[in-house]
Amino acid sequence: MTTLLVTVPAQAAPGDAVAAGNAGSVSIKHGDQVVTMAPIAPCESDGVLSGSVGDASVPKVASFTNSTSACTVDELGEVATAEVKGGAFRLDALNRYGGPRIRLTSYSVKCGTTLTGSSSSMELKGLTGVKIPAQLPANHVVTVPGATSAAPPIATVTFNEMITPSPADGSMTVHAMHVRLFPQGGPASGDAYVGTVHCAPVD
C-alpha cells in the first residue's frame, strides 16, 4: 500500500471553487488502430456530482472495475472536493511489445480546495508489473525498457503525477498513475490514466 499527501498553496479570495474526477481513461494507437476509453465514472462539482461504472474494458488493452467518483462543493462555493475509487485495474497494452502486465487490486485519489490552495492524497494497493519505493514521492517515474539496450523504452509509468500551472494559482491535476507508450517513438503511442482528480480554489 502506498499513500501520499501533497499540498499546493495559493492566494485566493471568496468565489467559486471547482473539482472534477474520473476513474481513468485510455487513448492508444497501435499502427493504424486507435483504441480509446472515455473518462470513466466522471464527476464535476458544477455538473454531475457522482459517477459509477461496474466494468469498462477493451480486450488486450485495459480493464477498470468497480469505479466510482464523487464531487462536492459547499454552499458558499469556497470548498470543493473530488474523490475517485477503483477496484481491480489491468493494463495489457504493453505485453504485445514484451512489456509487463500492470495490475492494481484497488486505488483511490482525492483532492480538496481551501481558501489558501488545494491538497491531494492517493493510495495504491496490490501493484504488480513494476516496482515503486515504499515512500513514493510526487511525479515518480518508472521506465519500462525495450527488449535490448539499443531499443527505445516501451513505456514510462508516472505515479502520483501532479500537474500545476506556472505561475501557481493553487490548482492541481493529479493522476494516480499515468502510462505513456513509447515516449521516444516506436510501434505504438498514447496514454493510459488511472485515477484522475482536479481541484481549483476560489479565484
C-alpha atoms as a PDB file:
ATOM      1  CA  MET A   1       0.000   0.000   0.000  1.00  0.00           C
ATOM      2  CA  THR A   2       1.319   3.416  -0.958  1.00  0.00           C
ATOM      3  CA  THR A   3      -0.115   6.742   0.181  1.00  0.00           C
ATOM      4  CA  LEU A   4       0.979  10.323  -0.337  1.00  0.00           C
ATOM      5  CA  LEU A   5      -0.297  13.774   0.567  1.00  0.00           C
ATOM      6  CA  VAL A   6       0.635  16.905  -1.380  1.00  0.00           C
ATOM      7  CA  THR A   7      -0.426  20.490  -0.703  1.00  0.00           C
ATOM      8  CA  VAL A   8      -0.252  23.482  -3.077  1.00  0.00           C
ATOM      9  CA  PRO A   9      -0.694  26.972  -1.564  1.00  0.00           C
ATOM     10  CA  ALA A  10      -2.264  29.950  -3.299  1.00  0.00           C
ATOM     11  CA  GLN A  11      -3.520  33.444  -2.671  1.00  0.00           C
ATOM     12  CA  ALA A  12      -7.258  33.422  -3.109  1.00  0.00           C
ATOM     13  CA  ALA A  13     -10.413  35.444  -2.465  1.00  0.00           C
ATOM     14  CA  PRO A  14     -14.039  34.298  -1.984  1.00  0.00           C
ATOM     15  CA  GLY A  15     -15.547  32.847  -5.150  1.00  0.00           C
ATOM     16  CA  ASP A  16     -16.361  29.542  -6.747  1.00  0.00           C
ATOM     17  CA  ALA A  17     -14.037  26.607  -6.190  1.00  0.00           C
ATOM     18  CA  VAL A  18     -14.294  23.673  -8.595  1.00  0.00           C
ATOM     19  CA  ALA A  19     -13.376  19.994  -8.553  1.00  0.00           C
ATOM     20  CA  ALA A  20     -13.645  17.106 -11.010  1.00  0.00           C
ATOM     21  CA  GLY A  21     -12.569  13.493 -11.212  1.00  0.00           C
ATOM     22  CA  ASN A  22     -12.755  10.235 -13.118  1.00  0.00           C
ATOM     23  CA  ALA A  23     -11.514   6.681 -12.642  1.00  0.00           C
ATOM     24  CA  GLY A  24      -9.302   6.746 -15.723  1.00  0.00           C
ATOM     25  CA  SER A  25      -9.096   6.957 -19.490  1.00  0.00           C
ATOM     26  CA  VAL A  26      -7.145   5.437 -22.377  1.00  0.00           C
ATOM     27  CA  SER A  27      -6.048   6.646 -25.807  1.00  0.00           C
ATOM     28  CA  ILE A  28      -3.567   4.331 -27.520  1.00  0.00           C
ATOM     29  CA  LYS A  29      -2.543   3.999 -31.152  1.00  0.00           C
ATOM     30  CA  HIS A  30      -1.152   0.662 -32.385  1.00  0.00           C
ATOM     31  CA  GLY A  31      -0.098   1.171 -36.003  1.00  0.00           C
ATOM     32  CA  ASP A  32      -3.284   2.267 -37.766  1.00  0.00           C
ATOM     33  CA  GLN A  33      -5.545   1.120 -34.918  1.00  0.00           C
ATOM     34  CA  VAL A  34      -6.677   3.652 -32.327  1.00  0.00           C
ATOM     35  CA  VAL A  35      -8.184   2.462 -29.051  1.00  0.00           C
ATOM     36  CA  THR A  36      -9.912   4.949 -26.764  1.00  0.00           C
ATOM     37  CA  MET A  37     -11.767   4.722 -23.477  1.00  0.00           C
ATOM     38  CA  ALA A  38     -13.507   7.956 -22.497  1.00  0.00           C
ATOM     39  CA  PRO A  39     -13.124   9.147 -18.894  1.00  0.00           C
ATOM     40  CA  ILE A  40     -14.749   6.506 -16.693  1.00  0.00           C
ATOM     41  CA  ALA A  41     -17.316   7.387 -13.997  1.00  0.00           C
ATOM     42  CA  PRO A  42     -16.692  11.156 -14.193  1.00  0.00           C
ATOM     43  CA  CYS A  43     -17.946  13.770 -11.759  1.00  0.00           C
ATOM     44  CA  GLU A  44     -17.854  17.586 -11.605  1.00  0.00           C
ATOM     45  CA  SER A  45     -18.658  19.883  -8.704  1.00  0.00           C
ATOM     46  CA  ASP A  46     -20.555  22.178 -11.086  1.00  0.00           C
ATOM     47  CA  GLY A  47     -22.236  19.346 -13.010  1.00  0.00           C
ATOM     48  CA  VAL A  48     -22.922  15.653 -12.411  1.00  0.00           C
ATOM     49  CA  LEU A  49     -21.790  15.111  -8.801  1.00  0.00           C
ATOM     50  CA  SER A  50     -21.108  11.370  -8.907  1.00  0.00           C
ATOM     51  CA  GLY A  51     -20.351   8.509 -11.254  1.00  0.00           C
ATOM     52  CA  SER A  52     -20.265   4.719 -11.050  1.00  0.00           C
ATOM     53  CA  VAL A  53     -19.246   2.057 -13.575  1.00  0.00           C
ATOM     54  CA  GLY A  54     -19.050  -1.639 -12.770  1.00  0.00           C
ATOM     55  CA  ASP A  55     -16.783  -2.640 -15.645  1.00  0.00           C
ATOM     56  CA  ALA A  56     -15.081  -0.873 -18.538  1.00  0.00           C
ATOM     57  CA  SER A  57     -12.632  -2.766 -20.690  1.00  0.00           C
ATOM     58  CA  VAL A  58     -11.018  -3.256 -24.075  1.00  0.00           C
ATOM     59  CA  PRO A  59      -9.619  -6.775 -24.582  1.00  0.00           C
ATOM     60  CA  LYS A  60      -5.804  -6.942 -24.558  1.00  0.00           C
ATOM     61  CA  VAL A  61      -5.604  -3.226 -23.719  1.00  0.00           C
ATOM     62  CA  ALA A  62      -7.048  -2.247 -20.335  1.00  0.00           C
ATOM     63  CA  SER A  63      -9.756  -3.058 -17.816  1.00  0.00           C
ATOM     64  CA  PHE A  64     -11.277  -0.974 -14.995  1.00  0.00           C
ATOM     65  CA  THR A  65     -13.680  -2.432 -12.411  1.00  0.00           C
ATOM     66  CA  ASN A  66     -15.899  -1.036  -9.662  1.00  0.00           C
ATOM     67  CA  SER A  67     -15.138   2.601 -10.466  1.00  0.00           C
ATOM     68  CA  THR A  68     -16.782   5.424  -8.509  1.00  0.00           C
ATOM     69  CA  SER A  69     -16.365   9.181  -8.219  1.00  0.00           C
ATOM     70  CA  ALA A  70     -17.855  11.867  -6.010  1.00  0.00           C
ATOM     71  CA  CYS A  71     -17.521  15.649  -6.270  1.00  0.00           C
ATOM     72  CA  THR A  72     -18.772  18.228  -3.785  1.00  0.00           C
ATOM     73  CA  VAL A  73     -18.824  21.989  -3.262  1.00  0.00           C
ATOM     74  CA  ASP A  74     -20.010  23.809  -0.152  1.00  0.00           C
ATOM     75  CA  GLU A  75     -22.881  26.288  -0.096  1.00  0.00           C
ATOM     76  CA  LEU A  76     -20.550  29.272  -0.336  1.00  0.00           C
ATOM     77  CA  GLY A  77     -18.681  27.820  -3.301  1.00  0.00           C
ATOM     78  CA  GLU A  78     -15.424  28.095  -1.380  1.00  0.00           C
ATOM     79  CA  VAL A  79     -14.502  24.449  -0.715  1.00  0.00           C
ATOM     80  CA  ALA A  80     -14.690  21.778  -3.408  1.00  0.00           C
ATOM     81  CA  THR A  81     -13.581  18.136  -3.307  1.00  0.00           C
ATOM     82  CA  ALA A  82     -13.219  15.247  -5.718  1.00  0.00           C
ATOM     83  CA  GLU A  83     -12.616  11.626  -4.774  1.00  0.00           C
ATOM     84  CA  VAL A  84     -12.184   8.652  -7.105  1.00  0.00           C
ATOM     85  CA  LYS A  85     -12.056   4.999  -6.094  1.00  0.00           C
ATOM     86  CA  GLY A  86     -11.421   1.975  -8.271  1.00  0.00           C
ATOM     87  CA  GLY A  87     -11.311  -1.768  -7.863  1.00  0.00           C
ATOM     88  CA  ALA A  88      -9.064  -4.050  -9.879  1.00  0.00           C
ATOM     89  CA  PHE A  89      -7.240  -2.394 -12.791  1.00  0.00           C
ATOM     90  CA  ARG A  90      -5.372  -4.249 -15.520  1.00  0.00           C
ATOM     91  CA  LEU A  91      -3.176  -2.888 -18.312  1.00  0.00           C
ATOM     92  CA  ASP A  92      -2.265  -5.405 -21.035  1.00  0.00           C
ATOM     93  CA  ALA A  93      -1.293  -2.940 -23.773  1.00  0.00           C
ATOM     94  CA  LEU A  94       2.456  -3.305 -23.101  1.00  0.00           C
ATOM     95  CA  ASN A  95       2.502  -7.084 -23.241  1.00  0.00           C
ATOM     96  CA  ARG A  96       2.457  -7.342 -27.029  1.00  0.00           C
ATOM     97  CA  TYR A  97       5.756  -5.430 -27.099  1.00  0.00           C
ATOM     98  CA  GLY A  98       7.445  -7.502 -24.415  1.00  0.00           C
ATOM     99  CA  GLY A  99       6.462  -5.244 -21.531  1.00  0.00           C
ATOM    100  CA  PRO A 100       4.808  -6.259 -18.252  1.00  0.00           C
ATOM    101  CA  ARG A 101       1.174  -6.657 -17.388  1.00  0.00           C
ATOM    102  CA  ILE A 102       0.491  -3.926 -14.845  1.00  0.00           C
ATOM    103  CA  ARG A 103      -2.079  -4.679 -12.156  1.00  0.00           C
ATOM    104  CA  LEU A 104      -3.697  -2.919  -9.207  1.00  0.00           C
ATOM    105  CA  THR A 105      -6.116  -4.556  -6.806  1.00  0.00           C
ATOM    106  CA  SER A 106      -7.541  -1.143  -5.895  1.00  0.00           C
ATOM    107  CA  TYR A 107      -6.717   2.547  -5.884  1.00  0.00           C
ATOM    108  CA  SER A 108      -8.039   5.882  -4.701  1.00  0.00           C
ATOM    109  CA  VAL A 109      -7.135   9.522  -5.243  1.00  0.00           C
ATOM    110  CA  LYS A 110      -8.717  12.699  -3.942  1.00  0.00           C
ATOM    111  CA  CYS A 111      -8.201  16.434  -3.810  1.00  0.00           C
ATOM    112  CA  GLY A 112      -9.776  19.327  -2.000  1.00  0.00           C
ATOM    113  CA  THR A 113      -9.612  23.103  -2.012  1.00  0.00           C
ATOM    114  CA  THR A 114      -9.355  25.699   0.735  1.00  0.00           C
ATOM    115  CA  LEU A 115      -9.187  29.472   0.636  1.00  0.00           C
ATOM    116  CA  THR A 116      -5.402  29.183   0.515  1.00  0.00           C
ATOM    117  CA  GLY A 117      -4.839  26.465  -2.086  1.00  0.00           C
ATOM    118  CA  SER A 118      -5.540  22.775  -2.569  1.00  0.00           C
ATOM    119  CA  SER A 119      -4.220  19.402  -1.463  1.00  0.00           C
ATOM    120  CA  SER A 120      -4.320  15.824  -2.694  1.00  0.00           C
ATOM    121  CA  SER A 121      -3.754  12.298  -1.484  1.00  0.00           C
ATOM    122  CA  MET A 122      -3.679   8.888  -3.134  1.00  0.00           C
ATOM    123  CA  GLU A 123      -3.444   5.203  -2.318  1.00  0.00           C
ATOM    124  CA  LEU A 124      -2.424   2.224  -4.434  1.00  0.00           C
ATOM    125  CA  LYS A 125      -2.886  -1.407  -3.422  1.00  0.00           C
ATOM    126  CA  GLY A 126      -1.687  -4.651  -4.975  1.00  0.00           C
ATOM    127  CA  LEU A 127       0.614  -3.155  -7.615  1.00  0.00           C
ATOM    128  CA  THR A 128       2.377  -5.713  -9.821  1.00  0.00           C
ATOM    129  CA  GLY A 129       4.312  -5.448 -13.081  1.00  0.00           C
ATOM    130  CA  VAL A 130       6.520  -2.551 -11.985  1.00  0.00           C
ATOM    131  CA  LYS A 131       8.131  -1.644  -8.669  1.00  0.00           C
ATOM    132  CA  ILE A 132       7.887   1.574  -6.686  1.00  0.00           C
ATOM    133  CA  PRO A 133       9.550   2.632  -3.428  1.00  0.00           C
ATOM    134  CA  ALA A 134       7.765   2.346  -0.091  1.00  0.00           C
ATOM    135  CA  GLN A 135       7.997   6.122   0.272  1.00  0.00           C
ATOM    136  CA  LEU A 136       6.579   7.370  -3.005  1.00  0.00           C
ATOM    137  CA  PRO A 137       7.369  10.965  -3.991  1.00  0.00           C
ATOM    138  CA  ALA A 138       5.252  13.047  -6.339  1.00  0.00           C
ATOM    139  CA  ASN A 139       5.901  12.504 -10.055  1.00  0.00           C
ATOM    140  CA  HIS A 140       7.812   9.261  -9.537  1.00  0.00           C
ATOM    141  CA  VAL A 141       8.703   7.783 -12.951  1.00  0.00           C
ATOM    142  CA  VAL A 142       9.409   4.116 -13.713  1.00  0.00           C
ATOM    143  CA  THR A 143      10.843   3.350 -17.171  1.00  0.00           C
ATOM    144  CA  VAL A 144       9.927   0.081 -18.869  1.00  0.00           C
ATOM    145  CA  PRO A 145      12.982  -0.745 -21.005  1.00  0.00           C
ATOM    146  CA  GLY A 146      12.942  -2.189 -24.502  1.00  0.00           C
ATOM    147  CA  ALA A 147      13.919  -5.755 -25.307  1.00  0.00           C
ATOM    148  CA  THR A 148      17.549  -4.746 -25.948  1.00  0.00           C
ATOM    149  CA  SER A 149      19.772  -1.940 -24.713  1.00  0.00           C
ATOM    150  CA  ALA A 150      19.509  -0.302 -28.151  1.00  0.00           C
ATOM    151  CA  ALA A 151      15.710  -0.486 -28.261  1.00  0.00           C
ATOM    152  CA  PRO A 152      13.653   2.529 -27.148  1.00  0.00           C
ATOM    153  CA  PRO A 153      11.747   2.323 -23.848  1.00  0.00           C
ATOM    154  CA  ILE A 154       8.399   0.585 -24.146  1.00  0.00           C
ATOM    155  CA  ALA A 155       6.779   2.955 -21.683  1.00  0.00           C
ATOM    156  CA  THR A 156       7.168   5.294 -18.764  1.00  0.00           C
ATOM    157  CA  VAL A 157       4.866   4.949 -15.775  1.00  0.00           C
ATOM    158  CA  THR A 158       4.429   8.051 -13.623  1.00  0.00           C
ATOM    159  CA  PHE A 159       2.944   7.589 -10.161  1.00  0.00           C
ATOM    160  CA  ASN A 160       1.222  10.394  -8.280  1.00  0.00           C
ATOM    161  CA  GLU A 161       1.641  12.666 -11.281  1.00  0.00           C
ATOM    162  CA  MET A 162       0.869  16.210 -10.141  1.00  0.00           C
ATOM    163  CA  ILE A 163       0.363  18.949 -12.721  1.00  0.00           C
ATOM    164  CA  THR A 164       0.258  22.566 -11.580  1.00  0.00           C
ATOM    165  CA  PRO A 165       0.240  25.792 -13.608  1.00  0.00           C
ATOM    166  CA  SER A 166       3.068  28.295 -13.678  1.00  0.00           C
ATOM    167  CA  PRO A 167       2.738  30.712 -12.034  1.00  0.00           C
ATOM    168  CA  ALA A 168       0.984  28.661  -9.362  1.00  0.00           C
ATOM    169  CA  ASP A 169      -2.625  29.542  -8.601  1.00  0.00           C
ATOM    170  CA  GLY A 170      -3.354  26.778  -6.104  1.00  0.00           C
ATOM    171  CA  SER A 171      -4.987  24.446  -8.618  1.00  0.00           C
ATOM    172  CA  MET A 172      -3.771  20.948  -9.362  1.00  0.00           C
ATOM    173  CA  THR A 173      -4.499  17.942 -11.531  1.00  0.00           C
ATOM    174  CA  VAL A 174      -3.377  14.598 -10.128  1.00  0.00           C
ATOM    175  CA  HIS A 175      -3.173  11.200 -11.833  1.00  0.00           C
ATOM    176  CA  ALA A 176      -2.606   8.243  -9.522  1.00  0.00           C
ATOM    177  CA  MET A 177      -0.871   6.509 -12.438  1.00  0.00           C
ATOM    178  CA  HIS A 178      -0.042   7.668 -15.978  1.00  0.00           C
ATOM    179  CA  VAL A 179       1.380   5.252 -18.560  1.00  0.00           C
ATOM    180  CA  ARG A 180       2.977   6.691 -21.712  1.00  0.00           C
ATOM    181  CA  LEU A 181       3.651   4.215 -24.508  1.00  0.00           C
ATOM    182  CA  PHE A 182       6.955   4.526 -26.371  1.00  0.00           C
ATOM    183  CA  PRO A 183       7.740   8.085 -25.208  1.00  0.00           C
ATOM    184  CA  GLN A 184      10.783   8.178 -27.518  1.00  0.00           C
ATOM    185  CA  GLY A 185       8.924   6.764 -30.517  1.00  0.00           C
ATOM    186  CA  GLY A 186       8.105   3.228 -31.588  1.00  0.00           C
ATOM    187  CA  PRO A 187       5.340   0.966 -32.911  1.00  0.00           C
ATOM    188  CA  ALA A 188       2.706   2.443 -30.590  1.00  0.00           C
ATOM    189  CA  SER A 189       1.905   5.693 -28.816  1.00  0.00           C
ATOM    190  CA  GLY A 190      -0.605   7.100 -26.420  1.00  0.00           C
ATOM    191  CA  ASP A 191      -1.546   7.277 -22.761  1.00  0.00           C
ATOM    192  CA  ALA A 192      -3.445   5.404 -20.092  1.00  0.00           C
ATOM    193  CA  TYR A 193      -4.528   7.246 -16.944  1.00  0.00           C
ATOM    194  CA  VAL A 194      -5.681   5.665 -13.694  1.00  0.00           C
ATOM    195  CA  GLY A 195      -7.462   7.814 -11.124  1.00  0.00           C
ATOM    196  CA  THR A 196      -7.620  11.488 -12.099  1.00  0.00           C
ATOM    197  CA  VAL A 197      -8.763  14.431  -9.956  1.00  0.00           C
ATOM    198  CA  HIS A 198      -8.651  18.185 -10.494  1.00  0.00           C
ATOM    199  CA  CYS A 199      -9.170  20.890  -7.890  1.00  0.00           C
ATOM    200  CA  ALA A 200      -9.044  24.667  -8.276  1.00  0.00           C
ATOM    201  CA  PRO A 201      -9.602  27.065  -5.366  1.00  0.00           C
ATOM    202  CA  VAL A 202     -11.608  30.254  -5.493  1.00  0.00           C
ATOM    203  CA  ASP A 203     -10.424  32.886  -7.958  1.00  0.00           C
END
